Amino acid sequence: MAYDHHLADRLREALMDLPNVEEKKMFSGVTFMVDGKMCICVSHDNLLCRIGPDKFEEALEMNGCQAMIMKGKTMKGYVYVNPEGFNTKKELDYWINLCIAYNSQAKPTKKKKAKNTD
């Protein structure tokens, strides 16, 4: 899976003091789960940030930010940020802190039930 490993290391360092952080391979990269909920992800060279619907419009005005679109539908509350939007530590910290702030309010994704193959 091709993703920016240096960026993933920067996220690991930023999140290392938080409890209950785990990594999962998804979204063409690595996703950092906090308390069992998707928080922030490195997808190829971009960040995928779960920021919540309240910050969505404001975030779209930020440099390098665009809405996440999946199967033709805008996923309000999720944004992609390309590298020009997190060049500096201050910019990266902004996105990380936005994701962490929303994580405490976020609902966990419902787990899909396994299909019965009997």
N, C-alpha and C. Protein backbone atom coordinates (compact mmCIF):
# COMPACT_ATOMS: atom_id res chain seq x y z
N MET A 1 0.85 -1.17 0.00
CA MET A 1 0.00 0.00 0.00
C MET A 1 0.90 1.24 0.00
N ALA A 2 0.76 2.09 -1.00
CA ALA A 2 1.60 3.26 -1.15
C ALA A 2 0.99 4.46 -0.42
N TYR A 3 1.65 4.87 0.65
CA TYR A 3 1.24 6.08 1.37
C TYR A 3 2.50 6.71 1.94
N ASP A 4 2.39 7.95 2.36
CA ASP A 4 3.52 8.72 2.88
C ASP A 4 3.87 8.22 4.29
N HIS A 5 4.90 7.38 4.38
CA HIS A 5 5.30 6.81 5.67
C HIS A 5 5.86 7.87 6.62
N HIS A 6 6.51 8.89 6.06
CA HIS A 6 7.03 9.97 6.91
C HIS A 6 5.87 10.73 7.56
N LEU A 7 4.81 10.99 6.80
CA LEU A 7 3.63 11.65 7.36
C LEU A 7 2.99 10.77 8.44
N ALA A 8 2.91 9.48 8.19
CA ALA A 8 2.36 8.56 9.21
C ALA A 8 3.19 8.62 10.49
N ASP A 9 4.52 8.70 10.34
CA ASP A 9 5.38 8.81 11.53
C ASP A 9 5.13 10.11 12.28
N ARG A 10 4.88 11.20 11.55
CA ARG A 10 4.58 12.48 12.19
C ARG A 10 3.27 12.37 12.99
N LEU A 11 2.29 11.65 12.45
CA LEU A 11 1.03 11.46 13.18
C LEU A 11 1.23 10.57 14.40
N ARG A 12 2.02 9.50 14.24
CA ARG A 12 2.30 8.61 15.38
C ARG A 12 2.90 9.42 16.54
N GLU A 13 3.86 10.28 16.21
CA GLU A 13 4.51 11.09 17.23
C GLU A 13 3.51 12.04 17.90
N ALA A 14 2.65 12.65 17.10
CA ALA A 14 1.68 13.60 17.65
C ALA A 14 0.63 12.92 18.52
N LEU A 15 0.31 11.66 18.21
CA LEU A 15 -0.77 10.95 18.92
C LEU A 15 -0.26 10.03 20.03
N MET A 16 1.05 9.94 20.20
CA MET A 16 1.60 8.92 21.09
C MET A 16 1.20 9.08 22.56
N ASP A 17 0.84 10.27 22.98
CA ASP A 17 0.45 10.46 24.38
C ASP A 17 -1.04 10.24 24.63
N LEU A 18 -1.80 10.01 23.57
CA LEU A 18 -3.23 9.74 23.72
C LEU A 18 -3.45 8.27 24.07
N PRO A 19 -4.39 7.98 24.96
CA PRO A 19 -4.71 6.57 25.22
C PRO A 19 -5.57 6.01 24.09
N ASN A 20 -5.57 4.72 23.96
CA ASN A 20 -6.46 4.00 23.04
C ASN A 20 -6.31 4.39 21.58
N VAL A 21 -5.07 4.49 21.11
CA VAL A 21 -4.80 4.77 19.69
C VAL A 21 -4.36 3.46 19.04
N GLU A 22 -4.98 3.15 17.92
CA GLU A 22 -4.55 1.98 17.16
C GLU A 22 -4.54 2.34 15.69
N GLU A 23 -3.79 1.58 14.93
CA GLU A 23 -3.67 1.81 13.49
C GLU A 23 -4.35 0.70 12.72
N LYS A 24 -5.02 1.09 11.63
CA LYS A 24 -5.64 0.12 10.74
C LYS A 24 -5.33 0.52 9.31
N LYS A 25 -5.09 -0.46 8.48
CA LYS A 25 -4.87 -0.18 7.07
C LYS A 25 -6.22 -0.03 6.40
N MET A 26 -6.49 1.17 5.88
CA MET A 26 -7.72 1.45 5.17
C MET A 26 -7.59 2.78 4.44
N PHE A 27 -8.50 3.09 3.53
CA PHE A 27 -8.48 4.32 2.74
C PHE A 27 -7.15 4.49 2.01
N SER A 28 -6.64 3.42 1.44
CA SER A 28 -5.37 3.44 0.70
C SER A 28 -4.22 3.97 1.54
N GLY A 29 -4.23 3.65 2.81
CA GLY A 29 -3.16 4.11 3.68
C GLY A 29 -3.31 3.54 5.07
N VAL A 30 -3.02 4.36 6.05
CA VAL A 30 -3.12 3.94 7.44
C VAL A 30 -4.02 4.93 8.19
N THR A 31 -4.96 4.36 8.93
CA THR A 31 -5.92 5.15 9.69
C THR A 31 -5.59 5.04 11.17
N PHE A 32 -5.65 6.17 11.85
CA PHE A 32 -5.42 6.20 13.29
C PHE A 32 -6.78 6.26 13.97
N MET A 33 -7.06 5.22 14.69
CA MET A 33 -8.32 5.09 15.43
C MET A 33 -8.05 5.55 16.86
N VAL A 34 -8.94 6.35 17.40
CA VAL A 34 -8.84 6.79 18.79
C VAL A 34 -10.14 6.38 19.47
N ASP A 35 -10.01 5.63 20.54
CA ASP A 35 -11.18 5.09 21.25
C ASP A 35 -12.09 4.30 20.31
N GLY A 36 -11.49 3.57 19.38
CA GLY A 36 -12.25 2.73 18.46
C GLY A 36 -12.94 3.47 17.33
N LYS A 37 -12.63 4.77 17.17
CA LYS A 37 -13.28 5.58 16.14
C LYS A 37 -12.23 6.17 15.21
N MET A 38 -12.55 6.20 13.92
CA MET A 38 -11.64 6.78 12.94
C MET A 38 -11.40 8.24 13.30
N CYS A 39 -10.13 8.63 13.41
CA CYS A 39 -9.79 9.99 13.79
C CYS A 39 -9.13 10.72 12.62
N ILE A 40 -8.00 10.20 12.16
CA ILE A 40 -7.23 10.82 11.08
C ILE A 40 -6.50 9.74 10.32
N CYS A 41 -6.26 10.00 9.04
CA CYS A 41 -5.72 8.96 8.17
C CYS A 41 -4.70 9.56 7.21
N VAL A 42 -3.68 8.78 6.90
CA VAL A 42 -2.77 9.11 5.80
C VAL A 42 -3.24 8.27 4.62
N SER A 43 -3.68 8.94 3.58
CA SER A 43 -4.17 8.28 2.37
C SER A 43 -3.33 8.79 1.21
N HIS A 44 -2.49 7.91 0.67
CA HIS A 44 -1.49 8.30 -0.34
C HIS A 44 -0.61 9.39 0.28
N ASP A 45 -0.63 10.61 -0.28
CA ASP A 45 0.17 11.72 0.27
C ASP A 45 -0.69 12.71 1.05
N ASN A 46 -1.96 12.41 1.21
CA ASN A 46 -2.91 13.34 1.82
C ASN A 46 -3.32 12.91 3.22
N LEU A 47 -3.88 13.86 3.94
CA LEU A 47 -4.56 13.54 5.18
C LEU A 47 -6.04 13.36 4.88
N LEU A 48 -6.66 12.43 5.53
CA LEU A 48 -8.11 12.32 5.53
C LEU A 48 -8.51 12.59 6.98
N CYS A 49 -9.24 13.68 7.18
CA CYS A 49 -9.55 14.15 8.53
C CYS A 49 -11.05 14.02 8.81
N ARG A 50 -11.36 13.42 9.95
CA ARG A 50 -12.75 13.36 10.42
C ARG A 50 -12.94 14.51 11.39
N ILE A 51 -13.58 15.57 10.90
CA ILE A 51 -13.67 16.81 11.66
C ILE A 51 -15.08 17.13 12.13
N GLY A 52 -16.05 16.41 11.62
CA GLY A 52 -17.45 16.64 12.00
C GLY A 52 -18.12 17.68 11.13
N PRO A 53 -19.44 17.61 11.06
CA PRO A 53 -20.18 18.50 10.17
C PRO A 53 -20.14 19.97 10.58
N ASP A 54 -19.95 20.28 11.86
CA ASP A 54 -19.95 21.67 12.30
C ASP A 54 -18.75 22.46 11.79
N LYS A 55 -17.63 21.81 11.57
CA LYS A 55 -16.40 22.47 11.11
C LYS A 55 -16.16 22.29 9.61
N PHE A 56 -17.04 21.57 8.96
CA PHE A 56 -16.85 21.19 7.56
C PHE A 56 -16.69 22.39 6.62
N GLU A 57 -17.65 23.30 6.62
CA GLU A 57 -17.60 24.46 5.70
C GLU A 57 -16.39 25.34 5.98
N GLU A 58 -16.12 25.57 7.23
CA GLU A 58 -14.96 26.38 7.63
C GLU A 58 -13.66 25.75 7.13
N ALA A 59 -13.56 24.43 7.27
CA ALA A 59 -12.35 23.72 6.86
C ALA A 59 -12.12 23.82 5.36
N LEU A 60 -13.20 23.79 4.58
CA LEU A 60 -13.07 23.85 3.13
C LEU A 60 -12.43 25.14 2.65
N GLU A 61 -12.42 26.16 3.47
CA GLU A 61 -11.78 27.43 3.13
C GLU A 61 -10.28 27.42 3.38
N MET A 62 -9.79 26.39 4.05
CA MET A 62 -8.38 26.30 4.38
C MET A 62 -7.57 25.84 3.17
N ASN A 63 -6.32 26.25 3.14
CA ASN A 63 -5.41 25.90 2.06
C ASN A 63 -5.26 24.38 1.93
N GLY A 64 -5.42 23.86 0.71
CA GLY A 64 -5.19 22.44 0.44
C GLY A 64 -6.32 21.52 0.85
N CYS A 65 -7.45 22.05 1.27
CA CYS A 65 -8.54 21.22 1.78
C CYS A 65 -9.65 21.05 0.74
N GLN A 66 -10.19 19.84 0.68
CA GLN A 66 -11.34 19.58 -0.18
C GLN A 66 -12.23 18.53 0.47
N ALA A 67 -13.49 18.53 0.08
CA ALA A 67 -14.45 17.59 0.65
C ALA A 67 -14.12 16.16 0.23
N MET A 68 -14.43 15.22 1.08
CA MET A 68 -14.33 13.81 0.73
C MET A 68 -15.61 13.45 -0.02
N ILE A 69 -15.45 12.88 -1.19
CA ILE A 69 -16.60 12.44 -1.99
C ILE A 69 -16.46 10.95 -2.20
N MET A 70 -17.49 10.22 -1.81
CA MET A 70 -17.47 8.76 -1.94
C MET A 70 -18.72 8.33 -2.70
N LYS A 71 -18.51 7.63 -3.79
CA LYS A 71 -19.61 7.16 -4.65
C LYS A 71 -20.53 8.31 -5.05
N GLY A 72 -19.92 9.46 -5.37
CA GLY A 72 -20.68 10.62 -5.82
C GLY A 72 -21.35 11.43 -4.72
N LYS A 73 -21.18 11.02 -3.47
CA LYS A 73 -21.82 11.71 -2.35
C LYS A 73 -20.77 12.43 -1.49
N THR A 74 -21.03 13.70 -1.20
CA THR A 74 -20.14 14.45 -0.31
C THR A 74 -20.32 13.95 1.11
N MET A 75 -19.22 13.58 1.72
CA MET A 75 -19.24 13.06 3.08
C MET A 75 -18.99 14.24 4.04
N LYS A 76 -20.07 14.90 4.41
CA LYS A 76 -19.96 16.08 5.26
C LYS A 76 -19.37 15.67 6.61
N GLY A 77 -18.29 16.33 6.96
CA GLY A 77 -17.60 16.00 8.20
C GLY A 77 -16.25 15.34 7.97
N TYR A 78 -15.96 14.98 6.72
CA TYR A 78 -14.68 14.38 6.36
C TYR A 78 -14.06 15.24 5.26
N VAL A 79 -12.76 15.54 5.40
CA VAL A 79 -12.07 16.31 4.37
C VAL A 79 -10.71 15.68 4.06
N TYR A 80 -10.30 15.85 2.82
CA TYR A 80 -8.94 15.54 2.42
C TYR A 80 -8.13 16.82 2.47
N VAL A 81 -6.90 16.72 2.94
CA VAL A 81 -5.99 17.85 2.95
C VAL A 81 -4.73 17.41 2.22
N ASN A 82 -4.40 18.13 1.13
CA ASN A 82 -3.20 17.77 0.39
C ASN A 82 -1.98 18.40 1.06
N PRO A 83 -0.77 17.97 0.69
CA PRO A 83 0.44 18.41 1.39
C PRO A 83 0.62 19.92 1.53
N GLU A 84 0.11 20.72 0.61
CA GLU A 84 0.27 22.17 0.76
C GLU A 84 -0.51 22.70 1.96
N GLY A 85 -1.43 21.93 2.48
CA GLY A 85 -2.23 22.34 3.63
C GLY A 85 -1.64 21.95 4.98
N PHE A 86 -0.53 21.19 4.97
CA PHE A 86 0.10 20.81 6.25
C PHE A 86 1.62 20.82 6.14
N ASN A 87 2.15 21.81 5.44
CA ASN A 87 3.60 21.94 5.28
C ASN A 87 4.33 22.15 6.60
N THR A 88 3.75 22.96 7.45
CA THR A 88 4.42 23.29 8.72
C THR A 88 3.85 22.45 9.86
N LYS A 89 4.59 22.39 10.94
CA LYS A 89 4.11 21.68 12.12
C LYS A 89 2.83 22.33 12.64
N LYS A 90 2.78 23.65 12.59
CA LYS A 90 1.59 24.38 13.06
C LYS A 90 0.36 23.98 12.24
N GLU A 91 0.50 23.88 10.92
CA GLU A 91 -0.62 23.49 10.06
C GLU A 91 -1.03 22.04 10.32
N LEU A 92 -0.05 21.15 10.45
CA LEU A 92 -0.38 19.75 10.75
C LEU A 92 -1.07 19.64 12.10
N ASP A 93 -0.55 20.35 13.10
CA ASP A 93 -1.16 20.33 14.43
C ASP A 93 -2.61 20.82 14.39
N TYR A 94 -2.88 21.82 13.55
CA TYR A 94 -4.25 22.33 13.41
C TYR A 94 -5.19 21.19 13.03
N TRP A 95 -4.83 20.42 12.00
CA TRP A 95 -5.69 19.33 11.52
C TRP A 95 -5.79 18.21 12.55
N ILE A 96 -4.68 17.87 13.17
CA ILE A 96 -4.69 16.82 14.20
C ILE A 96 -5.62 17.23 15.35
N ASN A 97 -5.48 18.46 15.83
CA ASN A 97 -6.29 18.93 16.95
C ASN A 97 -7.77 19.00 16.60
N LEU A 98 -8.08 19.38 15.36
CA LEU A 98 -9.47 19.40 14.91
C LEU A 98 -10.07 17.99 14.95
N CYS A 99 -9.30 17.03 14.49
CA CYS A 99 -9.76 15.63 14.49
C CYS A 99 -9.92 15.09 15.90
N ILE A 100 -8.96 15.37 16.76
CA ILE A 100 -9.04 14.89 18.15
C ILE A 100 -10.23 15.53 18.87
N ALA A 101 -10.45 16.82 18.63
CA ALA A 101 -11.57 17.51 19.28
C ALA A 101 -12.90 16.88 18.87
N TYR A 102 -13.04 16.53 17.60
CA TYR A 102 -14.29 15.92 17.16
C TYR A 102 -14.42 14.47 17.63
N ASN A 103 -13.31 13.79 17.80
CA ASN A 103 -13.35 12.36 18.15
C ASN A 103 -14.17 12.08 19.40
N SER A 104 -14.12 12.97 20.38
CA SER A 104 -14.87 12.71 21.62
C SER A 104 -16.38 12.78 21.39
N GLN A 105 -16.81 13.51 20.36
CA GLN A 105 -18.25 13.61 20.04
C GLN A 105 -18.70 12.56 19.02
N ALA A 106 -17.74 12.06 18.26
CA ALA A 106 -18.06 11.16 17.14
C ALA A 106 -18.66 9.86 17.63
N LYS A 107 -19.57 9.36 16.82
CA LYS A 107 -20.16 8.05 17.10
C LYS A 107 -19.32 7.00 16.38
N PRO A 108 -19.12 5.86 17.02
CA PRO A 108 -18.37 4.81 16.33
C PRO A 108 -19.16 4.30 15.13
N THR A 109 -18.44 3.89 14.11
CA THR A 109 -19.08 3.31 12.94
C THR A 109 -19.69 1.97 13.32
N LYS A 110 -20.88 1.72 12.85
CA LYS A 110 -21.53 0.45 13.13
C LYS A 110 -20.78 -0.64 12.40
N LYS A 111 -20.52 -1.72 13.12
CA LYS A 111 -19.82 -2.85 12.51
C LYS A 111 -20.81 -3.65 11.66
N LYS A 112 -20.33 -4.04 10.49
CA LYS A 112 -21.16 -4.85 9.61
C LYS A 112 -21.21 -6.28 10.13
N LYS A 113 -22.37 -6.87 10.07
CA LYS A 113 -22.50 -8.25 10.50
C LYS A 113 -21.94 -9.15 9.41
N ALA A 114 -21.25 -10.18 9.83
CA ALA A 114 -20.69 -11.14 8.88
C ALA A 114 -21.84 -11.93 8.25
N LYS A 115 -21.70 -12.19 6.97
CA LYS A 115 -22.72 -12.96 6.28
C LYS A 115 -22.63 -14.41 6.73
N ASN A 116 -23.78 -15.01 6.93
CA ASN A 116 -23.84 -16.41 7.32
C ASN A 116 -23.64 -17.25 6.07
N THR A 117 -22.65 -18.10 6.08
CA THR A 117 -22.36 -18.91 4.89
C THR A 117 -22.87 -20.34 5.01
N ASP A 118 -23.74 -20.58 5.98
CA ASP A 118 -24.29 -21.93 6.15
C ASP A 118 -25.29 -22.27 5.07
